[in-house]
Protein backbone atom coordinates (compact mmCIF):
# COMPACT_ATOMS: atom_id res chain seq x y z
CA UNK A 1 105.41 82.09 154.88
CA UNK A 2 103.76 78.93 156.33
CA UNK A 3 103.88 78.45 160.09
CA UNK A 4 105.28 74.92 159.74
CA UNK A 5 108.39 76.39 158.12
CA UNK A 6 109.28 78.29 161.30
CA UNK A 7 108.44 75.29 163.48
CA UNK A 8 110.81 73.12 161.44
CA UNK A 9 113.50 75.80 161.58
CA UNK A 10 113.28 76.03 165.36
CA UNK A 11 113.29 72.23 165.63
CA UNK A 12 116.54 72.05 163.67
CA UNK A 13 118.26 74.55 165.95
CA UNK A 14 120.28 72.94 168.72
CA UNK A 15 120.52 76.15 170.72
CA UNK A 16 118.71 79.39 170.15
CA UNK A 17 118.91 82.82 171.70
CA UNK A 18 116.59 85.82 171.67
CA UNK A 19 118.30 89.07 170.66
CA UNK A 20 116.64 92.42 171.34
CA UNK A 21 117.83 95.57 169.56
CA UNK A 22 116.43 98.93 168.45
CA UNK A 23 115.26 97.13 165.30
CA UNK A 24 113.09 94.71 167.29
CA UNK A 25 113.37 91.17 168.64
CA UNK A 26 114.93 88.32 166.66
CA UNK A 27 115.67 84.65 167.27
CA UNK A 28 119.17 83.48 166.35
CA UNK A 29 121.02 80.22 166.47
CA UNK A 30 123.71 80.11 169.15
CA UNK A 31 127.27 79.57 167.96
CA UNK A 32 127.90 76.92 170.61
CA UNK A 33 131.06 78.70 171.85
CA UNK A 34 131.10 78.85 175.63
CA UNK A 35 132.22 81.90 177.61
CA UNK A 36 135.07 79.86 179.11
CA UNK A 37 136.37 78.86 175.70
CA UNK A 38 136.12 82.42 174.44
CA UNK A 39 138.13 83.62 177.45
CA UNK A 40 140.90 81.01 177.30
CA UNK A 41 141.21 79.47 173.83
CA UNK A 42 144.25 80.92 171.95
CA UNK A 43 142.19 80.78 168.76
CA UNK A 44 140.07 83.65 170.11
CA UNK A 45 142.95 85.93 171.16
CA UNK A 46 142.12 88.46 168.44
CA UNK A 47 138.44 88.41 169.44
CA UNK A 48 139.33 89.05 173.09
CA UNK A 49 141.50 92.01 172.14
CA UNK A 50 138.75 93.42 169.95
CA UNK A 51 136.23 93.03 172.78
CA UNK A 52 138.52 94.84 175.21
CA UNK A 53 138.72 97.85 172.91
CA UNK A 54 135.01 97.79 172.18
CA UNK A 55 134.37 97.81 175.93
CA UNK A 56 136.56 100.92 176.26
CA UNK A 57 134.57 102.53 173.45
CA UNK A 58 131.32 101.85 175.32
CA UNK A 59 132.75 103.29 178.52
CA UNK A 60 133.91 106.41 176.67
CA UNK A 61 130.47 106.84 175.08
CA UNK A 62 128.82 106.78 178.52
CA UNK A 63 131.33 109.34 179.83
CA UNK A 64 130.68 111.61 176.84
CA UNK A 65 126.92 111.39 177.44
CA UNK A 66 127.42 112.24 181.12
CA UNK A 67 129.53 115.28 180.19
CA UNK A 68 126.71 116.53 177.92
CA UNK A 69 123.82 115.21 179.99
CA UNK A 70 121.67 118.36 180.13
CA UNK A 71 121.76 118.54 176.34
CA UNK A 72 121.63 114.89 175.35
CA UNK A 73 119.38 113.27 177.94
CA UNK A 74 116.01 114.43 176.50
CA UNK A 75 116.63 113.11 172.97
CA UNK A 76 119.29 110.39 173.20
CA UNK A 77 118.09 107.05 171.87
CA UNK A 78 119.62 103.59 172.00
CA UNK A 79 120.36 103.90 168.31
CA UNK A 80 122.24 107.18 168.85
CA UNK A 81 124.21 105.66 171.71
CA UNK A 82 125.19 102.70 169.50
CA UNK A 83 126.38 105.12 166.82
CA UNK A 84 128.38 107.04 169.42
CA UNK A 85 130.01 103.83 170.64
CA UNK A 86 130.90 102.95 167.05
CA UNK A 87 132.57 106.35 166.61
CA UNK A 88 134.62 105.82 169.76
CA UNK A 89 135.64 102.39 168.45
CA UNK A 90 137.13 104.24 165.45
CA UNK A 91 138.69 106.84 167.77
CA UNK A 92 140.57 104.06 169.57
CA UNK A 93 142.07 102.87 166.28
CA UNK A 94 143.83 106.23 166.03
CA UNK A 95 146.03 105.43 169.05
CA UNK A 96 149.57 105.60 167.57
CA UNK A 97 151.32 103.98 170.55
CA UNK A 98 149.70 100.73 171.67
CA UNK A 99 149.04 97.36 170.06
CA UNK A 100 145.57 95.95 169.32
CA UNK A 101 143.70 95.32 172.55
CA UNK A 102 145.73 97.91 174.48
CA UNK A 103 144.78 101.02 172.50
CA UNK A 104 142.91 103.75 174.40
CA UNK A 105 140.51 106.59 173.71
CA UNK A 106 142.82 109.03 175.51
CA UNK A 107 145.49 108.57 172.82
CA UNK A 108 143.05 108.11 169.96
CA UNK A 109 141.74 110.55 167.38
CA UNK A 110 138.87 112.24 169.24
CA UNK A 111 138.56 114.71 166.36
CA UNK A 112 136.30 112.12 164.75
CA UNK A 113 133.54 113.23 167.15
CA UNK A 114 133.13 116.51 165.24
CA UNK A 115 129.84 116.48 163.40
CA UNK A 116 128.33 113.70 165.51
CA UNK A 117 124.58 114.27 165.78
CA UNK A 118 122.67 112.82 168.71
CA UNK A 119 119.46 112.54 166.70
CA UNK A 120 118.83 109.46 164.59
CA UNK A 121 118.66 110.29 160.90
CA UNK A 122 118.75 114.09 161.38
CA UNK A 123 121.52 116.66 160.97
CA UNK A 124 121.84 120.15 162.39
CA UNK A 125 121.62 121.82 158.98
CA UNK A 126 118.09 120.44 158.55
CA UNK A 127 116.85 122.29 161.66
CA UNK A 128 118.66 125.65 161.45
CA UNK A 129 119.45 127.25 158.11
CA UNK A 130 122.31 129.61 158.98
CA UNK A 131 126.08 129.18 159.19
CA UNK A 132 127.36 128.79 162.76
CA UNK A 133 130.90 129.85 163.74
CA UNK A 134 132.36 127.75 166.58
CA UNK A 135 135.78 128.39 168.13
CA UNK A 136 137.90 126.77 170.85
CA UNK A 137 140.69 128.66 172.63
CA UNK A 138 142.53 126.02 174.62
CA UNK A 139 144.92 128.47 176.30
CA UNK A 140 142.12 130.49 177.90
CA UNK A 141 139.66 127.62 178.20
CA UNK A 142 137.05 129.56 176.20
CA UNK A 143 134.64 127.75 173.88
CA UNK A 144 132.47 130.05 171.79
CA UNK A 145 129.72 129.85 169.20
CA UNK A 146 128.63 132.81 167.08
CA UNK A 147 125.16 132.74 165.52
CA UNK A 148 124.40 135.35 162.82
CA UNK A 149 121.22 137.36 162.56
CA UNK A 150 118.23 135.09 162.02
CA UNK A 151 114.59 135.41 161.12
CA UNK A 152 112.99 132.49 163.00
CA UNK A 153 110.22 131.90 160.46
CA UNK A 154 112.85 131.56 157.71
CA UNK A 155 115.81 129.93 159.43
CA UNK A 156 114.35 127.64 162.12
CA UNK A 157 112.22 124.50 161.76
CA UNK A 158 110.25 124.23 165.06
CA UNK A 159 107.83 121.59 166.34
CA UNK A 160 104.20 122.55 165.76
CA UNK A 161 103.41 123.18 169.44
CA UNK A 162 106.45 125.38 170.13
CA UNK A 163 106.01 129.12 170.64
CA UNK A 164 109.54 129.91 171.87
CA UNK A 165 113.05 128.56 171.39
CA UNK A 166 116.57 129.11 172.64
CA UNK A 167 120.09 128.08 171.73
CA UNK A 168 122.38 126.22 174.12
CA UNK A 169 126.00 125.12 174.07
CA UNK A 170 127.97 122.73 176.25
CA UNK A 171 131.72 123.12 176.70
CA UNK A 172 133.26 119.86 177.94
CA UNK A 173 136.76 118.89 178.97
CA UNK A 174 136.95 115.09 179.18
CA UNK A 175 139.74 113.03 180.76
CA UNK A 176 139.12 109.60 179.24
CA UNK A 177 142.07 108.15 181.15
CA UNK A 178 140.56 108.93 184.55
CA UNK A 179 136.86 108.84 183.56
CA UNK A 180 136.39 112.46 184.61
CA UNK A 181 135.06 115.62 183.02
CA UNK A 182 134.35 119.33 183.49
CA UNK A 183 131.44 120.83 181.60
CA UNK A 184 129.62 124.16 181.56
CA UNK A 185 126.59 125.43 179.64
CA UNK A 186 125.53 128.71 178.10
CA UNK A 187 122.01 129.63 176.98
CA UNK A 188 120.53 132.34 174.82
CA UNK A 189 117.41 134.25 175.80
CA UNK A 190 114.10 132.72 174.76
CA UNK A 191 113.26 133.72 171.20
CA UNK A 192 109.59 134.03 170.15
CA UNK A 193 108.57 132.00 167.13
CA UNK A 194 105.72 134.31 166.16
CA UNK A 195 104.86 134.64 162.47
CA UNK A 196 106.48 137.55 160.70
CA UNK A 197 109.82 138.79 159.43
CA UNK A 198 111.19 139.86 162.82
CA UNK A 199 114.99 139.52 162.81
CA UNK A 200 116.93 138.42 165.87
CA UNK A 201 120.28 140.13 166.40
CA UNK A 202 123.49 138.04 166.21
CA UNK A 203 124.10 135.92 169.31
CA UNK A 204 127.41 134.90 170.86
CA UNK A 205 127.42 132.04 173.38
CA UNK A 206 130.50 131.51 175.55
CA UNK A 207 131.25 128.68 178.00
CA UNK A 208 134.50 127.95 179.79
CA UNK A 209 136.60 125.00 180.94
CA UNK A 210 139.90 125.06 182.87
CA UNK A 211 142.55 126.97 180.89
CA UNK A 212 145.51 125.23 179.23
CA UNK A 213 143.85 121.82 179.52
CA UNK A 214 145.77 118.79 178.26
CA UNK A 215 142.57 116.82 177.59
CA UNK A 216 140.20 116.75 174.60
CA UNK A 217 137.74 119.67 174.46
CA UNK A 218 134.29 119.43 172.89
CA UNK A 219 131.77 122.11 171.93
CA UNK A 220 128.22 120.78 171.51
CA UNK A 221 125.30 122.86 170.23
CA UNK A 222 121.59 122.28 170.66
CA UNK A 223 118.15 123.74 169.99
CA UNK A 224 115.52 123.81 172.72
CA UNK A 225 111.84 124.50 172.00
CA UNK A 226 109.19 125.56 174.49
CA UNK A 227 105.51 126.36 174.75
CA UNK A 228 104.73 129.36 176.95
CA UNK A 229 101.69 128.95 179.21
CA UNK A 230 101.14 132.14 181.22
CA UNK A 231 104.55 132.69 182.84
CA UNK A 232 105.71 129.07 182.50
CA UNK A 233 107.98 127.63 179.82
CA UNK A 234 107.15 124.01 179.06
CA UNK A 235 109.59 121.91 177.06
CA UNK A 236 108.46 120.74 173.65
CA UNK A 237 110.60 117.74 172.88
CA UNK A 238 110.83 116.46 169.34
CA UNK A 239 113.53 113.90 168.55
CA UNK A 240 113.83 115.10 164.97
CA UNK A 241 113.91 118.86 165.64
CA UNK A 242 115.62 119.26 169.04
CA UNK A 243 118.87 118.73 167.20
CA UNK A 244 122.12 118.30 169.16
CA UNK A 245 125.46 118.15 167.36
CA UNK A 246 129.16 118.34 168.22
CA UNK A 247 130.27 121.43 166.28
CA UNK A 248 133.95 121.69 167.32
CA UNK A 249 136.65 119.48 168.85
CA UNK A 250 140.16 120.22 170.06
CA UNK A 251 141.67 116.76 170.37
CA UNK A 252 144.93 117.45 172.21
CA UNK A 253 147.42 120.32 172.66
């Protein structure tokens, strides 16, 4: 498109703003609504209430990431965080008590987090081809994941440089009302990814949170790949294959 077209378009704009997102940088025309008007004009009451809830969703997303930091930090992208915030915005709508603008994550439907994948455009089933069996026992505070017998060359899709892998789970108890959490991790032994039909015996990973909790409980599963150099294990990070997914949720007692 001719350059003069863009020059004319910019000339016709009274106010412009530059917006940066994970899709790139764009130039947009400003609406002309001032922050003061947005904060005080009765016409924007609904917008203010929506913004309050969206802010709570963002805060909850950050807390969730903190609770799963050792799993999520290596692969979390801005796009994944935005998706997580959008899920929490839907969670808030499940609050059966409060009116719009006052609804909270603590009373919302946190069960909607089940199946959330921290990788953009990838799901757990594309990286590991076996059926996992997660379980949450709220009374004892035990969160468990059973992995059946696997043959790595058949059931796992590793990055090219990886020579070993291991499974990891995070058990998290999150108090969204007080912005607090308790989380623990459990890891399998390192599993060699050598060629061949060498089966790996079934694995059971168990992590614990305080028993009889009254807060939402989350069980998150991840794959970690490594390259062994002498006696050292070096992480091999691949955003499409180091898959991390919430496999079980216990919303409330």
